[in-house]
Amino acid sequence: MKPLQISPETAVTLAKQLGVPLEHLMHMPQHILLQKIAELSKKQSQDTTDSSSAAEALEKGEQ
């Protein structure tokens, strides 16, 4: 299996965000990497939604 075709900067960023060693990331099967990226994206969108909900609650409390 050949290494993923991504830039070094992208690889380092993904390894940090996914919490996996860079060497593991570069040899990870593409379908598994895509699944992990989708999970990370879903988590980040939920965090954003939670943050915006908290901000809205604070705004309503101030009014």
Protein backbone atom coordinates (compact mmCIF):
# COMPACT_ATOMS: atom_id res chain seq x y z
CA MET A 1 0.00 0.00 0.00
CA LYS A 2 1.45 3.37 -0.95
CA PRO A 3 1.40 6.36 1.42
CA LEU A 4 -1.42 8.88 1.20
CA GLN A 5 -1.00 11.65 -1.34
CA ILE A 6 -1.37 14.64 1.00
CA SER A 7 0.91 17.56 1.74
CA PRO A 8 3.23 17.41 4.75
CA GLU A 9 1.40 20.33 6.39
CA THR A 10 -1.95 18.57 5.98
CA ALA A 11 -0.53 15.33 7.36
CA VAL A 12 0.85 17.03 10.47
CA THR A 13 -2.43 18.88 11.09
CA LEU A 14 -4.53 15.74 10.65
CA ALA A 15 -2.25 13.68 12.88
CA LYS A 16 -2.60 16.25 15.67
CA GLN A 17 -6.38 16.58 15.32
CA LEU A 18 -6.97 12.83 15.09
CA GLY A 19 -4.49 12.05 17.86
CA VAL A 20 -2.53 9.49 15.86
CA PRO A 21 1.20 9.31 15.15
CA LEU A 22 2.20 10.79 11.80
CA GLU A 23 3.63 7.45 10.64
CA HIS A 24 0.30 5.72 11.29
CA LEU A 25 -1.61 8.44 9.48
CA MET A 26 0.55 8.20 6.36
CA HIS A 27 -0.01 4.44 6.06
CA MET A 28 -3.66 4.45 7.12
CA PRO A 29 -6.05 3.06 4.48
CA GLN A 30 -7.82 5.90 2.71
CA HIS A 31 -11.34 4.72 3.59
CA ILE A 32 -10.48 4.65 7.30
CA LEU A 33 -8.90 8.10 7.13
CA LEU A 34 -11.99 9.48 5.41
CA GLN A 35 -14.18 7.94 8.11
CA LYS A 36 -12.07 9.51 10.87
CA ILE A 37 -12.16 12.90 9.14
CA ALA A 38 -15.96 12.66 8.89
CA GLU A 39 -16.19 11.85 12.61
CA LEU A 40 -13.92 14.79 13.43
CA SER A 41 -15.99 17.11 11.27
CA LYS A 42 -19.22 15.94 12.91
CA LYS A 43 -17.73 16.48 16.38
CA GLN A 44 -16.53 19.98 15.47
CA SER A 45 -19.92 20.94 14.05
CA GLN A 46 -21.62 19.71 17.23
CA ASP A 47 -19.17 21.73 19.34
CA THR A 48 -19.92 24.80 17.22
CA THR A 49 -23.66 24.24 17.60
CA ASP A 50 -23.28 23.80 21.35
CA SER A 51 -21.22 26.99 21.59
CA SER A 52 -23.71 29.01 19.57
CA SER A 53 -26.58 27.65 21.68
CA ALA A 54 -24.77 28.74 24.84
CA ALA A 55 -24.16 32.20 23.35
CA GLU A 56 -27.83 32.52 22.41
CA ALA A 57 -28.86 31.53 25.94
CA LEU A 58 -26.56 34.20 27.38
CA GLU A 59 -27.97 36.82 25.02
CA LYS A 60 -31.54 35.94 26.00
CA GLY A 61 -30.60 36.15 29.67
CA GLU A 62 -29.14 39.64 29.19
CA GLN A 63 -32.24 41.01 27.47
